PDB file of N, CA and C in Angstrom:
ATOM      1  N   UNK A   1     100.328 180.485 106.569  1.00  0.00           N
ATOM      2  CA  UNK A   1     102.025 179.668 106.966  1.00  0.00           C
ATOM      3  C   UNK A   1     102.323 180.246 105.811  1.00  0.00           C
ATOM      4  N   UNK A   2     104.095 180.729 106.196  1.00  0.00           N
ATOM      5  CA  UNK A   2     104.557 181.492 105.469  1.00  0.00           C
ATOM      6  C   UNK A   2     105.000 180.409 104.446  1.00  0.00           C
ATOM      7  N   UNK A   3     105.478 181.389 103.632  1.00  0.00           N
ATOM      8  CA  UNK A   3     106.097 180.407 102.392  1.00  0.00           C
ATOM      9  C   UNK A   3     107.656 179.484 102.767  1.00  0.00           C
ATOM     10  N   UNK A   4     108.263 180.084 103.535  1.00  0.00           N
ATOM     11  CA  UNK A   4     109.749 179.652 103.830  1.00  0.00           C
ATOM     12  C   UNK A   4     109.137 178.178 104.753  1.00  0.00           C
ATOM     13  N   UNK A   5     107.933 178.433 105.615  1.00  0.00           N
ATOM     14  CA  UNK A   5     107.370 176.786 106.173  1.00  0.00           C
ATOM     15  C   UNK A   5     106.538 176.552 105.690  1.00  0.00           C
ATOM     16  N   UNK A   6     106.280 176.645 104.416  1.00  0.00           N
ATOM     17  CA  UNK A   6     106.078 175.826 103.305  1.00  0.00           C
ATOM     18  C   UNK A   6     107.149 174.656 102.884  1.00  0.00           C
ATOM     19  N   UNK A   7     107.867 175.519 102.120  1.00  0.00           N
ATOM     20  CA  UNK A   7     108.761 174.927 101.667  1.00  0.00           C
ATOM     21  C   UNK A   7     109.915 173.811 102.983  1.00  0.00           C
ATOM     22  N   UNK A   8     110.154 174.431 104.143  1.00  0.00           N
ATOM     23  CA  UNK A   8     110.349 173.395 105.245  1.00  0.00           C
ATOM     24  C   UNK A   8     109.726 171.836 105.389  1.00  0.00           C
ATOM     25  N   UNK A   9     108.512 172.628 105.376  1.00  0.00           N
ATOM     26  CA  UNK A   9     107.657 171.194 105.407  1.00  0.00           C
ATOM     27  C   UNK A   9     107.634 170.690 104.116  1.00  0.00           C
ATOM     28  N   UNK A  10     107.807 171.142 102.741  1.00  0.00           N
ATOM     29  CA  UNK A  10     107.794 170.522 102.114  1.00  0.00           C
ATOM     30  C   UNK A  10     108.739 169.689 101.883  1.00  0.00           C
ATOM     31  N   UNK A  11     110.395 170.010 102.010  1.00  0.00           N
ATOM     32  CA  UNK A  11     111.759 169.420 102.264  1.00  0.00           C
ATOM     33  C   UNK A  11     111.784 167.939 103.192  1.00  0.00           C
ATOM     34  N   UNK A  12     110.913 168.397 104.469  1.00  0.00           N
ATOM     35  CA  UNK A  12     110.634 167.295 105.224  1.00  0.00           C
ATOM     36  C   UNK A  12     109.119 166.189 104.436  1.00  0.00           C
ATOM     37  N   UNK A  13     108.606 165.824 103.692  1.00  0.00           N
ATOM     38  CA  UNK A  13     107.596 165.432 103.071  1.00  0.00           C
ATOM     39  C   UNK A  13     108.380 164.486 101.933  1.00  0.00           C
ATOM     40  N   UNK A  14     109.480 165.354 101.055  1.00  0.00           N
ATOM     41  CA  UNK A  14     110.116 164.629  99.989  1.00  0.00           C
ATOM     42  C   UNK A  14     110.631 163.274 101.064  1.00  0.00           C
ATOM     43  N   UNK A  15     110.908 163.072 101.894  1.00  0.00           N
ATOM     44  CA  UNK A  15     111.335 161.707 102.577  1.00  0.00           C
ATOM     45  C   UNK A  15     110.840 160.827 103.248  1.00  0.00           C
ATOM     46  N   UNK A  16     109.103 161.203 103.152  1.00  0.00           N
ATOM     47  CA  UNK A  16     108.368 160.167 103.775  1.00  0.00           C
ATOM     48  C   UNK A  16     107.607 159.383 102.508  1.00  0.00           C
ATOM     49  N   UNK A  17     106.912 158.165 102.639  1.00  0.00           N
ATOM     50  CA  UNK A  17     106.462 157.883 101.681  1.00  0.00           C
ATOM     51  C   UNK A  17     104.901 157.844 102.407  1.00  0.00           C
ATOM     52  N   UNK A  18     103.693 157.882 101.656  1.00  0.00           N
ATOM     53  CA  UNK A  18     102.806 157.560 101.650  1.00  0.00           C
ATOM     54  C   UNK A  18     102.160 156.944 102.450  1.00  0.00           C
ATOM     55  N   UNK A  19     101.639 156.866 103.781  1.00  0.00           N
ATOM     56  CA  UNK A  19     100.600 156.246 104.710  1.00  0.00           C
ATOM     57  C   UNK A  19      99.397 155.714 104.294  1.00  0.00           C
ATOM     58  N   UNK A  20      98.943 156.503 103.677  1.00  0.00           N
ATOM     59  CA  UNK A  20      97.013 156.370 102.844  1.00  0.00           C
ATOM     60  C   UNK A  20      97.293 156.580 101.554  1.00  0.00           C
ATOM     61  N   UNK A  21      95.986 155.578 101.198  1.00  0.00           N
ATOM     62  CA  UNK A  21      95.838 155.924  99.991  1.00  0.00           C
ATOM     63  C   UNK A  21      94.499 155.892  99.565  1.00  0.00           C
ATOM     64  N   UNK A  22      93.851 156.741  98.770  1.00  0.00           N
ATOM     65  CA  UNK A  22      92.299 157.051  98.683  1.00  0.00           C
ATOM     66  C   UNK A  22      92.179 156.667  97.023  1.00  0.00           C
ATOM     67  N   UNK A  23      91.146 155.735  96.942  1.00  0.00           N
ATOM     68  CA  UNK A  23      90.798 154.574  95.869  1.00  0.00           C
ATOM     69  C   UNK A  23      89.455 155.923  94.800  1.00  0.00           C
ATOM     70  N   UNK A  24      89.069 154.820  94.141  1.00  0.00           N
ATOM     71  CA  UNK A  24      87.715 155.212  93.698  1.00  0.00           C
ATOM     72  C   UNK A  24      86.372 155.818  94.561  1.00  0.00           C
ATOM     73  N   UNK A  25      86.517 155.390  95.561  1.00  0.00           N
ATOM     74  CA  UNK A  25      85.494 156.138  96.586  1.00  0.00           C
ATOM     75  C   UNK A  25      86.187 157.548  96.760  1.00  0.00           C
ATOM     76  N   UNK A  26      86.863 157.982  96.738  1.00  0.00           N
ATOM     77  CA  UNK A  26      87.300 159.161  96.760  1.00  0.00           C
ATOM     78  C   UNK A  26      87.712 159.621  98.122  1.00  0.00           C
ATOM     79  N   UNK A  27      87.025 160.624  99.110  1.00  0.00           N
ATOM     80  CA  UNK A  27      87.278 160.975 100.448  1.00  0.00           C
ATOM     81  C   UNK A  27      85.998 160.374 100.730  1.00  0.00           C
ATOM     82  N   UNK A  28      86.049 159.660 101.938  1.00  0.00           N
ATOM     83  CA  UNK A  28      84.437 159.000 102.422  1.00  0.00           C
ATOM     84  C   UNK A  28      85.121 159.211 103.569  1.00  0.00           C
ATOM     85  N   UNK A  29      83.494 158.578 104.732  1.00  0.00           N
ATOM     86  CA  UNK A  29      84.012 159.339 106.364  1.00  0.00           C
ATOM     87  C   UNK A  29      85.070 158.553 106.681  1.00  0.00           C
ATOM     88  N   UNK A  30      85.617 157.253 106.313  1.00  0.00           N
ATOM     89  CA  UNK A  30      86.492 156.801 107.200  1.00  0.00           C
ATOM     90  C   UNK A  30      87.819 156.810 106.796  1.00  0.00           C
ATOM     91  N   UNK A  31      87.991 157.162 105.309  1.00  0.00           N
ATOM     92  CA  UNK A  31      89.279 158.106 104.908  1.00  0.00           C
ATOM     93  C   UNK A  31      89.504 159.125 105.644  1.00  0.00           C
ATOM     94  N   UNK A  32      88.692 159.613 106.173  1.00  0.00           N
ATOM     95  CA  UNK A  32      88.420 161.483 106.870  1.00  0.00           C
ATOM     96  C   UNK A  32      88.961 160.916 108.353  1.00  0.00           C
ATOM     97  N   UNK A  33      88.507 159.985 108.346  1.00  0.00           N
ATOM     98  CA  UNK A  33      88.739 159.377 109.992  1.00  0.00           C
ATOM     99  C   UNK A  33      90.221 158.924 110.419  1.00  0.00           C
ATOM    100  N   UNK A  34      91.092 158.201 109.649  1.00  0.00           N
ATOM    101  CA  UNK A  34      92.168 157.904 109.724  1.00  0.00           C
ATOM    102  C   UNK A  34      93.136 159.120 109.344  1.00  0.00           C
ATOM    103  N   UNK A  35      92.679 159.445 108.355  1.00  0.00           N
ATOM    104  CA  UNK A  35      93.779 160.731 107.622  1.00  0.00           C
ATOM    105  C   UNK A  35      93.815 161.698 109.372  1.00  0.00           C
ATOM    106  N   UNK A  36      92.590 161.771 109.979  1.00  0.00           N
ATOM    107  CA  UNK A  36      92.271 162.823 111.288  1.00  0.00           C
ATOM    108  C   UNK A  36      93.711 162.122 112.188  1.00  0.00           C
ATOM    109  N   UNK A  37      93.375 160.789 112.143  1.00  0.00           N
ATOM    110  CA  UNK A  37      94.304 159.856 113.184  1.00  0.00           C
ATOM    111  C   UNK A  37      95.583 160.036 112.576  1.00  0.00           C
ATOM    112  N   UNK A  38      96.420 160.188 111.547  1.00  0.00           N
ATOM    113  CA  UNK A  38      97.320 159.866 111.046  1.00  0.00           C
ATOM    114  C   UNK A  38      98.284 161.604 111.169  1.00  0.00           C
ATOM    115  N   UNK A  39      97.473 162.288 111.432  1.00  0.00           N
ATOM    116  CA  UNK A  39      98.142 163.579 111.730  1.00  0.00           C
ATOM    117  C   UNK A  39      97.810 163.732 112.996  1.00  0.00           C
ATOM    118  N   UNK A  40      97.087 163.266 114.209  1.00  0.00           N
ATOM    119  CA  UNK A  40      97.542 163.633 115.173  1.00  0.00           C
ATOM    120  C   UNK A  40      98.635 162.582 115.241  1.00  0.00           C
ATOM    121  N   UNK A  41      99.472 161.672 115.057  1.00  0.00           N
ATOM    122  CA  UNK A  41     100.218 160.940 115.427  1.00  0.00           C
ATOM    123  C   UNK A  41     101.824 161.489 114.507  1.00  0.00           C
ATOM    124  N   UNK A  42     101.151 162.155 113.531  1.00  0.00           N
ATOM    125  CA  UNK A  42     102.622 162.534 112.817  1.00  0.00           C
ATOM    126  C   UNK A  42     102.698 163.998 112.564  1.00  0.00           C
ATOM    127  N   UNK A  43     101.318 164.950 112.791  1.00  0.00           N
ATOM    128  CA  UNK A  43     101.735 166.153 112.280  1.00  0.00           C
ATOM    129  C   UNK A  43     101.829 166.453 110.987  1.00  0.00           C
ATOM    130  N   UNK A  44     102.732 165.845 109.811  1.00  0.00           N
ATOM    131  CA  UNK A  44     102.774 166.305 108.368  1.00  0.00           C
ATOM    132  C   UNK A  44     102.556 164.634 108.278  1.00  0.00           C
ATOM    133  N   UNK A  45     101.770 164.377 106.500  1.00  0.00           N
ATOM    134  CA  UNK A  45     101.389 162.989 106.161  1.00  0.00           C
ATOM    135  C   UNK A  45     101.443 163.411 104.575  1.00  0.00           C
ATOM    136  N   UNK A  46     101.731 162.389 103.927  1.00  0.00           N
ATOM    137  CA  UNK A  46     101.782 162.194 102.885  1.00  0.00           C
ATOM    138  C   UNK A  46     100.369 160.980 102.416  1.00  0.00           C
ATOM    139  N   UNK A  47      99.500 161.225 101.145  1.00  0.00           N
ATOM    140  CA  UNK A  47      98.390 160.515 100.848  1.00  0.00           C
ATOM    141  C   UNK A  47      99.165 160.051  99.189  1.00  0.00           C
ATOM    142  N   UNK A  48      98.387 159.117  99.181  1.00  0.00           N
ATOM    143  CA  UNK A  48      98.645 158.889  97.400  1.00  0.00           C
ATOM    144  C   UNK A  48      97.089 158.396  96.953  1.00  0.00           C
ATOM    145  N   UNK A  49      96.465 159.245  95.979  1.00  0.00           N
ATOM    146  CA  UNK A  49      95.368 158.971  95.375  1.00  0.00           C
ATOM    147  C   UNK A  49      95.968 157.786  94.116  1.00  0.00           C
ATOM    148  N   UNK A  50      94.944 156.908  94.125  1.00  0.00           N
ATOM    149  CA  UNK A  50      94.992 155.824  93.001  1.00  0.00           C
ATOM    150  C   UNK A  50      94.307 156.257  91.912  1.00  0.00           C
ATOM    151  N   UNK A  51      95.726 155.436  91.041  1.00  0.00           N
ATOM    152  CA  UNK A  51      95.071 155.507  89.217  1.00  0.00           C
ATOM    153  C   UNK A  51      93.732 155.465  89.082  1.00  0.00           C
ATOM    154  N   UNK A  52      93.149 154.795  89.462  1.00  0.00           N
ATOM    155  CA  UNK A  52      91.322 154.410  89.364  1.00  0.00           C
ATOM    156  C   UNK A  52      90.771 155.413  90.178  1.00  0.00           C
ATOM    157  N   UNK A  53      90.871 156.861  90.435  1.00  0.00           N
ATOM    158  CA  UNK A  53      90.459 157.511  91.416  1.00  0.00           C
ATOM    159  C   UNK A  53      89.654 158.674  90.620  1.00  0.00           C
ATOM    160  N   UNK A  54      88.223 158.592  90.365  1.00  0.00           N
ATOM    161  CA  UNK A  54      87.908 159.670  89.699  1.00  0.00           C
ATOM    162  C   UNK A  54      87.863 161.090  90.280  1.00  0.00           C
ATOM    163  N   UNK A  55      88.637 161.753  90.953  1.00  0.00           N
ATOM    164  CA  UNK A  55      88.231 162.757  91.856  1.00  0.00           C
ATOM    165  C   UNK A  55      89.648 163.530  91.101  1.00  0.00           C
ATOM    166  N   UNK A  56      89.628 164.597  91.201  1.00  0.00           N
ATOM    167  CA  UNK A  56      91.103 165.745  91.556  1.00  0.00           C
ATOM    168  C   UNK A  56      91.528 165.461  92.233  1.00  0.00           C
ATOM    169  N   UNK A  57      93.251 165.381  92.504  1.00  0.00           N
ATOM    170  CA  UNK A  57      93.382 165.367  93.789  1.00  0.00           C
ATOM    171  C   UNK A  57      93.626 166.806  94.906  1.00  0.00           C
ATOM    172  N   UNK A  58      93.888 167.921  93.911  1.00  0.00           N
ATOM    173  CA  UNK A  58      93.836 169.226  94.842  1.00  0.00           C
ATOM    174  C   UNK A  58      92.187 169.613  95.806  1.00  0.00           C
ATOM    175  N   UNK A  59      91.268 168.962  95.028  1.00  0.00           N
ATOM    176  CA  UNK A  59      89.583 169.138  95.482  1.00  0.00           C
ATOM    177  C   UNK A  59      90.169 168.302  96.824  1.00  0.00           C
ATOM    178  N   UNK A  60      90.072 167.220  96.211  1.00  0.00           N
ATOM    179  CA  UNK A  60      90.669 166.138  97.549  1.00  0.00           C
ATOM    180  C   UNK A  60      91.169 166.520  98.724  1.00  0.00           C
ATOM    181  N   UNK A  61      92.122 166.900  98.433  1.00  0.00           N
ATOM    182  CA  UNK A  61      93.179 167.539  99.013  1.00  0.00           C
ATOM    183  C   UNK A  61      92.386 168.617 100.118  1.00  0.00           C
ATOM    184  N   UNK A  62      91.654 169.876  99.767  1.00  0.00           N
ATOM    185  CA  UNK A  62      90.929 170.729 100.225  1.00  0.00           C
ATOM    186  C   UNK A  62      90.203 170.528 101.296  1.00  0.00           C
ATOM    187  N   UNK A  63      89.014 169.207 100.276  1.00  0.00           N
ATOM    188  CA  UNK A  63      88.253 168.448 101.265  1.00  0.00           C
ATOM    189  C   UNK A  63      88.720 168.428 102.664  1.00  0.00           C
ATOM    190  N   UNK A  64      89.927 167.315 102.294  1.00  0.00           N
ATOM    191  CA  UNK A  64      90.354 167.016 103.861  1.00  0.00           C
ATOM    192  C   UNK A  64      90.995 167.709 104.134  1.00  0.00           C
ATOM    193  N   UNK A  65      91.381 168.407 103.755  1.00  0.00           N
ATOM    194  CA  UNK A  65      91.713 169.975 104.697  1.00  0.00           C
ATOM    195  C   UNK A  65      91.000 170.586 105.759  1.00  0.00           C
ATOM    196  N   UNK A  66      89.686 170.634 105.215  1.00  0.00           N
ATOM    197  CA  UNK A  66      88.613 171.176 105.698  1.00  0.00           C
ATOM    198  C   UNK A  66      88.327 170.516 106.742  1.00  0.00           C
ATOM    199  N   UNK A  67      87.794 169.163 106.575  1.00  0.00           N
ATOM    200  CA  UNK A  67      87.594 168.291 107.211  1.00  0.00           C
ATOM    201  C   UNK A  67      88.208 168.003 108.913  1.00  0.00           C
ATOM    202  N   UNK A  68      89.882 168.090 108.311  1.00  0.00           N
ATOM    203  CA  UNK A  68      90.590 167.673 109.285  1.00  0.00           C
ATOM    204  C   UNK A  68      90.869 168.935 109.979  1.00  0.00           C
ATOM    205  N   UNK A  69      90.971 169.704 109.817  1.00  0.00           N
ATOM    206  CA  UNK A  69      91.533 171.218 110.525  1.00  0.00           C
ATOM    207  C   UNK A  69      92.763 171.123 110.085  1.00  0.00           C
ATOM    208  N   UNK A  70      93.210 171.204 108.938  1.00  0.00           N
ATOM    209  CA  UNK A  70      95.086 170.699 109.019  1.00  0.00           C
ATOM    210  C   UNK A  70      94.917 171.769 107.608  1.00  0.00           C
ATOM    211  N   UNK A  71      96.033 171.830 106.939  1.00  0.00           N
ATOM    212  CA  UNK A  71      96.716 173.233 105.640  1.00  0.00           C
ATOM    213  C   UNK A  71      97.197 172.013 104.821  1.00  0.00           C
ATOM    214  N   UNK A  72      96.835 172.449 103.404  1.00  0.00           N
ATOM    215  CA  UNK A  72      97.555 172.026 102.488  1.00  0.00           C
ATOM    216  C   UNK A  72      98.616 172.186 102.194  1.00  0.00           C
ATOM    217  N   UNK A  73     100.053 170.993 102.190  1.00  0.00           N
ATOM    218  CA  UNK A  73     101.332 171.999 102.175  1.00  0.00           C
ATOM    219  C   UNK A  73     101.848 171.730 100.475  1.00  0.00           C
ATOM    220  N   UNK A  74     101.368 170.725  99.634  1.00  0.00           N
ATOM    221  CA  UNK A  74     101.369 170.586  98.276  1.00  0.00           C
ATOM    222  C   UNK A  74     100.484 169.009  97.809  1.00  0.00           C
ATOM    223  N   UNK A  75     100.001 169.727  96.038  1.00  0.00           N
ATOM    224  CA  UNK A  75      99.867 168.845  95.748  1.00  0.00           C
ATOM    225  C   UNK A  75     100.221 168.853  94.468  1.00  0.00           C
ATOM    226  N   UNK A  76     101.013 167.162  94.344  1.00  0.00           N
ATOM    227  CA  UNK A  76     102.105 167.384  92.759  1.00  0.00           C
ATOM    228  C   UNK A  76     101.335 165.578  92.228  1.00  0.00           C
ATOM    229  N   UNK A  77     100.958 165.763  91.016  1.00  0.00           N
ATOM    230  CA  UNK A  77     100.107 164.825  90.411  1.00  0.00           C
ATOM    231  C   UNK A  77      99.390 164.425  91.289  1.00  0.00           C
ATOM    232  N   UNK A  78      99.601 162.666  91.903  1.00  0.00           N
ATOM    233  CA  UNK A  78      98.771 162.179  92.483  1.00  0.00           C
ATOM    234  C   UNK A  78      98.814 161.784  94.052  1.00  0.00           C
ATOM    235  N   UNK A  79      99.737 163.061  94.808  1.00  0.00           N
ATOM    236  CA  UNK A  79     100.404 162.796  95.895  1.00  0.00           C
ATOM    237  C   UNK A  79      99.809 164.541  96.499  1.00  0.00           C
ATOM    238  N   UNK A  80      99.325 163.833  98.088  1.00  0.00           N
ATOM    239  CA  UNK A  80      98.833 165.071  98.652  1.00  0.00           C
ATOM    240  C   UNK A  80      99.707 165.443 100.145  1.00  0.00           C
ATOM    241  N   UNK A  81     100.110 166.155 100.630  1.00  0.00           N
ATOM    242  CA  UNK A  81     100.434 166.757 101.405  1.00  0.00           C
ATOM    243  C   UNK A  81      99.790 166.976 102.767  1.00  0.00           C
ATOM    244  N   UNK A  82      99.498 167.089 103.824  1.00  0.00           N
ATOM    245  CA  UNK A  82      98.932 167.728 104.706  1.00  0.00           C
ATOM    246  C   UNK A  82      99.579 168.136 105.778  1.00  0.00           C
ATOM    247  N   UNK A  83      99.281 169.291 106.650  1.00  0.00           N
ATOM    248  CA  UNK A  83      99.774 169.530 107.877  1.00  0.00           C
ATOM    249  C   UNK A  83      98.667 169.782 109.085  1.00  0.00           C
ATOM    250  N   UNK A  84      98.640 169.827 109.885  1.00  0.00           N
ATOM    251  CA  UNK A  84      98.289 169.819 111.510  1.00  0.00           C
ATOM    252  C   UNK A  84      99.145 169.781 112.604  1.00  0.00           C
ATOM    253  N   UNK A  85      99.503 171.025 112.827  1.00  0.00           N
ATOM    254  CA  UNK A  85     100.419 171.411 114.407  1.00  0.00           C
ATOM    255  C   UNK A  85      99.689 170.423 115.373  1.00  0.00           C
ATOM    256  N   UNK A  86     100.393 170.196 115.809  1.00  0.00           N
ATOM    257  CA  UNK A  86     100.526 169.049 117.304  1.00  0.00           C
ATOM    258  C   UNK A  86      99.997 169.736 118.539  1.00  0.00           C
ATOM    259  N   UNK A  87      99.826 169.852 119.193  1.00  0.00           N
ATOM    260  CA  UNK A  87      99.284 169.843 120.675  1.00  0.00           C
ATOM    261  C   UNK A  87     100.842 170.500 121.214  1.00  0.00           C
ATOM    262  N   UNK A  88     100.758 171.418 122.105  1.00  0.00           N
ATOM    263  CA  UNK A  88     102.402 172.117 122.682  1.00  0.00           C
ATOM    264  C   UNK A  88     103.015 171.087 123.162  1.00  0.00           C
ATOM    265  N   UNK A  89     102.301 169.816 124.186  1.00  0.00           N
ATOM    266  CA  UNK A  89     103.178 168.965 124.405  1.00  0.00           C
ATOM    267  C   UNK A  89     103.463 167.644 123.575  1.00  0.00           C
ATOM    268  N   UNK A  90     102.949 167.612 122.572  1.00  0.00           N
ATOM    269  CA  UNK A  90     102.816 166.565 121.562  1.00  0.00           C
ATOM    270  C   UNK A  90     103.772 167.094 120.275  1.00  0.00           C
ATOM    271  N   UNK A  91     104.462 168.527 120.256  1.00  0.00           N
ATOM    272  CA  UNK A  91     104.922 169.004 119.050  1.00  0.00           C
ATOM    273  C   UNK A  91     106.150 168.291 118.231  1.00  0.00           C
ATOM    274  N   UNK A  92     106.140 167.608 117.119  1.00  0.00           N
ATOM    275  CA  UNK A  92     107.100 167.226 116.677  1.00  0.00           C
ATOM    276  C   UNK A  92     107.946 167.954 115.518  1.00  0.00           C
ATOM    277  N   UNK A  93     107.179 168.812 115.167  1.00  0.00           N
ATOM    278  CA  UNK A  93     107.540 169.314 114.084  1.00  0.00           C
ATOM    279  C   UNK A  93     107.699 171.353 114.436  1.00  0.00           C
ATOM    280  N   UNK A  94     108.914 171.651 114.602  1.00  0.00           N
ATOM    281  CA  UNK A  94     109.547 172.783 115.152  1.00  0.00           C
ATOM    282  C   UNK A  94     109.267 173.895 113.659  1.00  0.00           C
ATOM    283  N   UNK A  95     108.530 174.649 113.553  1.00  0.00           N
ATOM    284  CA  UNK A  95     107.936 175.006 112.008  1.00  0.00           C
ATOM    285  C   UNK A  95     109.299 176.690 112.200  1.00  0.00           C
ATOM    286  N   UNK A  96     110.476 176.682 111.259  1.00  0.00           N
ATOM    287  CA  UNK A  96     111.480 178.058 110.993  1.00  0.00           C
ATOM    288  C   UNK A  96     110.107 179.601 111.342  1.00  0.00           C
TER     289      UNK A  96
END
């Protein structure tokens, strides 16, 4: 992913609300499955890491990206943004 594409995805993510919350259990198989389903439906998702979570948001983002075959767009504070390109006929986001 180029820096221009990353910047475009960041601008799209600014307008979206987090749709998944990760708590003290961190990244569980159930969380991974819900992230995978959300990526299939939306391509770009924002995840909120709750205050009671003991894990580093950056490490959690890398782990989720690895498990869901997606890319980390950004991690700011306790917010994670992930992107996975959709299938050809279901593409919603066209990268520059």
